[in-house]
PDB file of all heavy atoms in Angstrom:
ATOM      1  N   TYR A   1      -5.467  44.000  -4.257  1.00  0.00           N
ATOM      2  CA  TYR A   1      -6.702  43.769  -3.495  1.00  0.00           C
ATOM      3  C   TYR A   1      -7.447  42.551  -4.043  1.00  0.00           C
ATOM      4  O   TYR A   1      -7.877  41.679  -3.279  1.00  0.00           O
ATOM      5  CB  TYR A   1      -7.570  45.033  -3.565  1.00  0.00           C
ATOM      6  CG  TYR A   1      -8.984  44.847  -3.082  1.00  0.00           C
ATOM      7  CD1 TYR A   1      -9.279  44.784  -1.723  1.00  0.00           C
ATOM      8  CD2 TYR A   1     -10.032  44.743  -3.985  1.00  0.00           C
ATOM      9  CE1 TYR A   1     -10.583  44.619  -1.282  1.00  0.00           C
ATOM     10  CE2 TYR A   1     -11.338  44.580  -3.557  1.00  0.00           C
ATOM     11  CZ  TYR A   1     -11.606  44.514  -2.202  1.00  0.00           C
ATOM     12  OH  TYR A   1     -12.901  44.351  -1.773  1.00  0.00           O
ATOM     13  N   LEU A   2      -7.594  42.465  -5.345  1.00  0.00           N
ATOM     14  CA  LEU A   2      -8.293  41.327  -5.959  1.00  0.00           C
ATOM     15  C   LEU A   2      -7.557  40.010  -5.700  1.00  0.00           C
ATOM     16  O   LEU A   2      -8.189  38.985  -5.454  1.00  0.00           O
ATOM     17  CB  LEU A   2      -8.468  41.551  -7.461  1.00  0.00           C
ATOM     18  CG  LEU A   2      -9.447  42.649  -7.862  1.00  0.00           C
ATOM     19  CD1 LEU A   2      -9.462  42.817  -9.377  1.00  0.00           C
ATOM     20  CD2 LEU A   2     -10.847  42.358  -7.347  1.00  0.00           C
ATOM     21  N   LYS A   3      -6.236  40.040  -5.738  1.00  0.00           N
ATOM     22  CA  LYS A   3      -5.452  38.836  -5.447  1.00  0.00           C
ATOM     23  C   LYS A   3      -5.689  38.366  -4.015  1.00  0.00           C
ATOM     24  O   LYS A   3      -5.843  37.178  -3.760  1.00  0.00           O
ATOM     25  CB  LYS A   3      -3.960  39.087  -5.667  1.00  0.00           C
ATOM     26  CG  LYS A   3      -3.553  39.142  -7.112  1.00  0.00           C
ATOM     27  CD  LYS A   3      -2.069  39.407  -7.247  1.00  0.00           C
ATOM     28  CE  LYS A   3      -1.657  39.543  -8.695  1.00  0.00           C
ATOM     29  NZ  LYS A   3      -0.238  39.866  -8.848  1.00  0.00           N
ATOM     30  N   ARG A   4      -5.728  39.322  -3.087  1.00  0.00           N
ATOM     31  CA  ARG A   4      -5.938  38.973  -1.680  1.00  0.00           C
ATOM     32  C   ARG A   4      -7.338  38.403  -1.470  1.00  0.00           C
ATOM     33  O   ARG A   4      -7.515  37.442  -0.723  1.00  0.00           O
ATOM     34  CB  ARG A   4      -5.709  40.196  -0.804  1.00  0.00           C
ATOM     35  CG  ARG A   4      -4.232  40.594  -0.766  1.00  0.00           C
ATOM     36  CD  ARG A   4      -3.975  41.816   0.061  1.00  0.00           C
ATOM     37  NE  ARG A   4      -4.231  41.524   1.457  1.00  0.00           N
ATOM     38  CZ  ARG A   4      -4.404  42.451   2.382  1.00  0.00           C
ATOM     39  NH1 ARG A   4      -4.338  43.726   2.055  1.00  0.00           N
ATOM     40  NH2 ARG A   4      -4.627  42.118   3.635  1.00  0.00           N
ATOM     41  N   ILE A   5      -8.328  38.974  -2.136  1.00  0.00           N
ATOM     42  CA  ILE A   5      -9.700  38.474  -2.041  1.00  0.00           C
ATOM     43  C   ILE A   5      -9.780  37.057  -2.615  1.00  0.00           C
ATOM     44  O   ILE A   5     -10.418  36.178  -2.027  1.00  0.00           O
ATOM     45  CB  ILE A   5     -10.687  39.417  -2.776  1.00  0.00           C
ATOM     46  CG1 ILE A   5     -10.778  40.760  -2.058  1.00  0.00           C
ATOM     47  CG2 ILE A   5     -12.059  38.780  -2.917  1.00  0.00           C
ATOM     48  CD1 ILE A   5     -11.346  40.682  -0.655  1.00  0.00           C
ATOM     49  N   ALA A   6      -9.128  36.821  -3.749  1.00  0.00           N
ATOM     50  CA  ALA A   6      -9.135  35.492  -4.365  1.00  0.00           C
ATOM     51  C   ALA A   6      -8.479  34.467  -3.442  1.00  0.00           C
ATOM     52  O   ALA A   6      -8.979  33.341  -3.285  1.00  0.00           O
ATOM     53  CB  ALA A   6      -8.423  35.531  -5.717  1.00  0.00           C
ATOM     54  N   GLU A   7      -7.373  34.825  -2.807  1.00  0.00           N
ATOM     55  CA  GLU A   7      -6.686  33.918  -1.874  1.00  0.00           C
ATOM     56  C   GLU A   7      -7.577  33.609  -0.677  1.00  0.00           C
ATOM     57  O   GLU A   7      -7.676  32.466  -0.238  1.00  0.00           O
ATOM     58  CB  GLU A   7      -5.359  34.537  -1.419  1.00  0.00           C
ATOM     59  CG  GLU A   7      -4.601  33.701  -0.420  1.00  0.00           C
ATOM     60  CD  GLU A   7      -4.182  32.347  -0.943  1.00  0.00           C
ATOM     61  OE1 GLU A   7      -3.937  32.214  -2.157  1.00  0.00           O
ATOM     62  OE2 GLU A   7      -4.109  31.405  -0.121  1.00  0.00           O
ATOM     63  N   LEU A   8      -8.233  34.630  -0.155  1.00  0.00           N
ATOM     64  CA  LEU A   8      -9.137  34.430   0.973  1.00  0.00           C
ATOM     65  C   LEU A   8     -10.288  33.502   0.585  1.00  0.00           C
ATOM     66  O   LEU A   8     -10.648  32.602   1.346  1.00  0.00           O
ATOM     67  CB  LEU A   8      -9.682  35.779   1.455  1.00  0.00           C
ATOM     68  CG  LEU A   8     -10.665  35.733   2.614  1.00  0.00           C
ATOM     69  CD1 LEU A   8     -10.022  35.107   3.841  1.00  0.00           C
ATOM     70  CD2 LEU A   8     -11.173  37.119   2.927  1.00  0.00           C
ATOM     71  N   ALA A   9     -10.824  33.694  -0.599  1.00  0.00           N
ATOM     72  CA  ALA A   9     -11.918  32.835  -1.073  1.00  0.00           C
ATOM     73  C   ALA A   9     -11.459  31.383  -1.185  1.00  0.00           C
ATOM     74  O   ALA A   9     -12.192  30.460  -0.823  1.00  0.00           O
ATOM     75  CB  ALA A   9     -12.437  33.333  -2.417  1.00  0.00           C
ATOM     76  N   LYS A  10     -10.249  31.157  -1.661  1.00  0.00           N
ATOM     77  CA  LYS A  10      -9.714  29.794  -1.762  1.00  0.00           C
ATOM     78  C   LYS A  10      -9.595  29.156  -0.383  1.00  0.00           C
ATOM     79  O   LYS A  10      -9.916  27.993  -0.201  1.00  0.00           O
ATOM     80  CB  LYS A  10      -8.333  29.799  -2.431  1.00  0.00           C
ATOM     81  CG  LYS A  10      -8.364  30.030  -3.906  1.00  0.00           C
ATOM     82  CD  LYS A  10      -6.949  30.035  -4.462  1.00  0.00           C
ATOM     83  CE  LYS A  10      -6.920  30.476  -5.895  1.00  0.00           C
ATOM     84  NZ  LYS A  10      -5.546  30.571  -6.411  1.00  0.00           N
ATOM     85  N   ARG A  11      -9.116  29.940   0.585  1.00  0.00           N
ATOM     86  CA  ARG A  11      -8.950  29.408   1.939  1.00  0.00           C
ATOM     87  C   ARG A  11     -10.291  29.086   2.576  1.00  0.00           C
ATOM     88  O   ARG A  11     -10.436  28.078   3.259  1.00  0.00           O
ATOM     89  CB  ARG A  11      -8.181  30.397   2.807  1.00  0.00           C
ATOM     90  CG  ARG A  11      -6.720  30.536   2.369  1.00  0.00           C
ATOM     91  CD  ARG A  11      -6.010  31.447   3.302  1.00  0.00           C
ATOM     92  NE  ARG A  11      -5.785  30.719   4.531  1.00  0.00           N
ATOM     93  CZ  ARG A  11      -4.634  30.630   5.145  1.00  0.00           C
ATOM     94  NH1 ARG A  11      -3.598  31.243   4.653  1.00  0.00           N
ATOM     95  NH2 ARG A  11      -4.510  29.955   6.258  1.00  0.00           N
ATOM     96  N   VAL A  12     -11.274  29.945   2.351  1.00  0.00           N
ATOM     97  CA  VAL A  12     -12.604  29.703   2.908  1.00  0.00           C
ATOM     98  C   VAL A  12     -13.204  28.456   2.283  1.00  0.00           C
ATOM     99  O   VAL A  12     -13.772  27.605   2.967  1.00  0.00           O
ATOM    100  CB  VAL A  12     -13.521  30.935   2.692  1.00  0.00           C
ATOM    101  CG1 VAL A  12     -14.969  30.598   2.980  1.00  0.00           C
ATOM    102  CG2 VAL A  12     -13.056  32.087   3.555  1.00  0.00           C
ATOM    103  N   GLU A  13     -13.059  28.322   0.984  1.00  0.00           N
ATOM    104  CA  GLU A  13     -13.582  27.140   0.286  1.00  0.00           C
ATOM    105  C   GLU A  13     -12.921  25.868   0.783  1.00  0.00           C
ATOM    106  O   GLU A  13     -13.560  24.818   0.913  1.00  0.00           O
ATOM    107  CB  GLU A  13     -13.356  27.281  -1.220  1.00  0.00           C
ATOM    108  CG  GLU A  13     -14.000  26.185  -2.033  1.00  0.00           C
ATOM    109  CD  GLU A  13     -13.850  26.416  -3.512  1.00  0.00           C
ATOM    110  OE1 GLU A  13     -13.889  27.563  -3.951  1.00  0.00           O
ATOM    111  OE2 GLU A  13     -13.687  25.412  -4.232  1.00  0.00           O
ATOM    112  N   ALA A  14     -11.642  25.956   1.108  1.00  0.00           N
ATOM    113  CA  ALA A  14     -10.911  24.791   1.614  1.00  0.00           C
ATOM    114  C   ALA A  14     -11.169  24.561   3.093  1.00  0.00           C
ATOM    115  O   ALA A  14     -10.739  23.562   3.651  1.00  0.00           O
ATOM    116  CB  ALA A  14      -9.415  24.971   1.370  1.00  0.00           C
ATOM    117  N   GLY A  15     -11.858  25.477   3.740  1.00  0.00           N
ATOM    118  CA  GLY A  15     -12.141  25.337   5.171  1.00  0.00           C
ATOM    119  C   GLY A  15     -10.941  25.623   6.037  1.00  0.00           C
ATOM    120  O   GLY A  15     -10.792  25.065   7.111  1.00  0.00           O
ATOM    121  N   GLN A  16     -10.070  26.489   5.570  1.00  0.00           N
ATOM    122  CA  GLN A  16      -8.833  26.753   6.295  1.00  0.00           C
ATOM    123  C   GLN A  16      -8.815  28.209   6.769  1.00  0.00           C
ATOM    124  O   GLN A  16      -8.848  29.132   5.969  1.00  0.00           O
ATOM    125  CB  GLN A  16      -7.643  26.496   5.364  1.00  0.00           C
ATOM    126  CG  GLN A  16      -6.329  26.499   6.047  1.00  0.00           C
ATOM    127  CD  GLN A  16      -5.231  26.012   5.137  1.00  0.00           C
ATOM    128  OE1 GLN A  16      -5.432  25.843   3.945  1.00  0.00           O
ATOM    129  NE2 GLN A  16      -4.069  25.795   5.694  1.00  0.00           N
ATOM    130  N   ALA A  17      -8.751  28.404   8.065  1.00  0.00           N
ATOM    131  CA  ALA A  17      -8.676  29.748   8.631  1.00  0.00           C
ATOM    132  C   ALA A  17      -7.259  30.286   8.502  1.00  0.00           C
ATOM    133  O   ALA A  17      -6.315  29.542   8.229  1.00  0.00           O
ATOM    134  CB  ALA A  17      -9.084  29.703  10.100  1.00  0.00           C
ATOM    135  N   GLU A  18      -7.126  31.585   8.707  1.00  0.00           N
ATOM    136  CA  GLU A  18      -5.801  32.209   8.595  1.00  0.00           C
ATOM    137  C   GLU A  18      -4.805  31.640   9.582  1.00  0.00           C
ATOM    138  O   GLU A  18      -3.624  31.539   9.298  1.00  0.00           O
ATOM    139  CB  GLU A  18      -5.914  33.722   8.804  1.00  0.00           C
ATOM    140  CG  GLU A  18      -6.453  34.456   7.619  1.00  0.00           C
ATOM    141  CD  GLU A  18      -6.390  35.956   7.807  1.00  0.00           C
ATOM    142  OE1 GLU A  18      -5.455  36.445   8.477  1.00  0.00           O
ATOM    143  OE2 GLU A  18      -7.272  36.628   7.284  1.00  0.00           O
ATOM    144  N   ASP A  19      -5.271  31.254  10.760  1.00  0.00           N
ATOM    145  CA  ASP A  19      -4.357  30.759  11.790  1.00  0.00           C
ATOM    146  C   ASP A  19      -4.173  29.247  11.758  1.00  0.00           C
ATOM    147  O   ASP A  19      -3.558  28.675  12.641  1.00  0.00           O
ATOM    148  CB  ASP A  19      -4.827  31.206  13.169  1.00  0.00           C
ATOM    149  CG  ASP A  19      -6.208  30.663  13.520  1.00  0.00           C
ATOM    150  OD1 ASP A  19      -6.922  30.214  12.616  1.00  0.00           O
ATOM    151  OD2 ASP A  19      -6.563  30.694  14.708  1.00  0.00           O
ATOM    152  N   THR A  20      -4.703  28.586  10.734  1.00  0.00           N
ATOM    153  CA  THR A  20      -4.556  27.135  10.617  1.00  0.00           C
ATOM    154  C   THR A  20      -3.128  26.810  10.183  1.00  0.00           C
ATOM    155  O   THR A  20      -2.652  27.345   9.189  1.00  0.00           O
ATOM    156  CB  THR A  20      -5.552  26.558   9.591  1.00  0.00           C
ATOM    157  OG1 THR A  20      -6.869  26.901   9.979  1.00  0.00           O
ATOM    158  CG2 THR A  20      -5.430  25.047   9.480  1.00  0.00           C
ATOM    159  N   PRO A  21      -2.440  25.932  10.906  1.00  0.00           N
ATOM    160  CA  PRO A  21      -1.077  25.566  10.519  1.00  0.00           C
ATOM    161  C   PRO A  21      -1.009  24.967   9.116  1.00  0.00           C
ATOM    162  O   PRO A  21      -1.938  24.299   8.655  1.00  0.00           O
ATOM    163  CB  PRO A  21      -0.684  24.527  11.568  1.00  0.00           C
ATOM    164  CG  PRO A  21      -1.550  24.837  12.739  1.00  0.00           C
ATOM    165  CD  PRO A  21      -2.847  25.310  12.144  1.00  0.00           C
ATOM    166  N   GLU A  22       0.097  25.216   8.456  1.00  0.00           N
ATOM    167  CA  GLU A  22       0.274  24.809   7.064  1.00  0.00           C
ATOM    168  C   GLU A  22       0.224  23.289   6.876  1.00  0.00           C
ATOM    169  O   GLU A  22      -0.218  22.808   5.840  1.00  0.00           O
ATOM    170  CB  GLU A  22       1.610  25.360   6.559  1.00  0.00           C
ATOM    171  CG  GLU A  22       1.706  25.412   5.061  1.00  0.00           C
ATOM    172  CD  GLU A  22       2.940  26.156   4.608  1.00  0.00           C
ATOM    173  OE1 GLU A  22       3.103  27.327   4.996  1.00  0.00           O
ATOM    174  OE2 GLU A  22       3.742  25.549   3.870  1.00  0.00           O
ATOM    175  N   GLN A  23       0.677  22.520   7.867  1.00  0.00           N
ATOM    176  CA  GLN A  23       0.696  21.063   7.730  1.00  0.00           C
ATOM    177  C   GLN A  23      -0.698  20.448   7.743  1.00  0.00           C
ATOM    178  O   GLN A  23      -0.859  19.294   7.398  1.00  0.00           O
ATOM    179  CB  GLN A  23       1.538  20.427   8.820  1.00  0.00           C
ATOM    180  CG  GLN A  23       3.020  20.615   8.608  1.00  0.00           C
ATOM    181  CD  GLN A  23       3.809  19.741   9.555  1.00  0.00           C
ATOM    182  OE1 GLN A  23       3.416  19.545  10.695  1.00  0.00           O
ATOM    183  NE2 GLN A  23       4.914  19.209   9.085  1.00  0.00           N
ATOM    184  N   LEU A  24      -1.689  21.220   8.132  1.00  0.00           N
ATOM    185  CA  LEU A  24      -3.062  20.711   8.154  1.00  0.00           C
ATOM    186  C   LEU A  24      -3.676  20.980   6.784  1.00  0.00           C
ATOM    187  O   LEU A  24      -4.595  21.760   6.621  1.00  0.00           O
ATOM    188  CB  LEU A  24      -3.860  21.377   9.271  1.00  0.00           C
ATOM    189  CG  LEU A  24      -3.240  21.190  10.658  1.00  0.00           C
ATOM    190  CD1 LEU A  24      -4.019  21.956  11.690  1.00  0.00           C
ATOM    191  CD2 LEU A  24      -3.175  19.728  11.026  1.00  0.00           C
ATOM    192  N   ASN A  25      -3.142  20.278   5.795  1.00  0.00           N
ATOM    193  CA  ASN A  25      -3.459  20.560   4.411  1.00  0.00           C
ATOM    194  C   ASN A  25      -4.568  19.692   3.827  1.00  0.00           C
ATOM    195  O   ASN A  25      -4.778  19.697   2.624  1.00  0.00           O
ATOM    196  CB  ASN A  25      -2.191  20.429   3.563  1.00  0.00           C
ATOM    197  CG  ASN A  25      -1.488  19.094   3.797  1.00  0.00           C
ATOM    198  OD1 ASN A  25      -1.975  18.247   4.537  1.00  0.00           O
ATOM    199  ND2 ASN A  25      -0.351  18.913   3.173  1.00  0.00           N
ATOM    200  N   THR A  26      -5.263  18.946   4.656  1.00  0.00           N
ATOM    201  CA  THR A  26      -6.390  18.155   4.176  1.00  0.00           C
ATOM    202  C   THR A  26      -7.597  18.415   5.078  1.00  0.00           C
ATOM    203  O   THR A  26      -7.437  18.766   6.245  1.00  0.00           O
ATOM    204  CB  THR A  26      -6.080  16.641   4.197  1.00  0.00           C
ATOM    205  OG1 THR A  26      -5.916  16.216   5.558  1.00  0.00           O
ATOM    206  CG2 THR A  26      -4.834  16.305   3.387  1.00  0.00           C
ATOM    207  N   PRO A  27      -8.791  18.219   4.541  1.00  0.00           N
ATOM    208  CA  PRO A  27      -9.987  18.398   5.380  1.00  0.00           C
ATOM    209  C   PRO A  27      -9.994  17.465   6.592  1.00  0.00           C
ATOM    210  O   PRO A  27     -10.483  17.834   7.653  1.00  0.00           O
ATOM    211  CB  PRO A  27     -11.140  18.069   4.436  1.00  0.00           C
ATOM    212  CG  PRO A  27     -10.600  18.240   3.067  1.00  0.00           C
ATOM    213  CD  PRO A  27      -9.133  17.939   3.156  1.00  0.00           C
TER     214      PRO A  27
END
């Protein structure tokens, strides 16, 4: 659970939603 929360926090900080394609790796 903590790992999943940490991953979600990283994605939010990077501005990347769950459905964002992987190649869109820059702001």
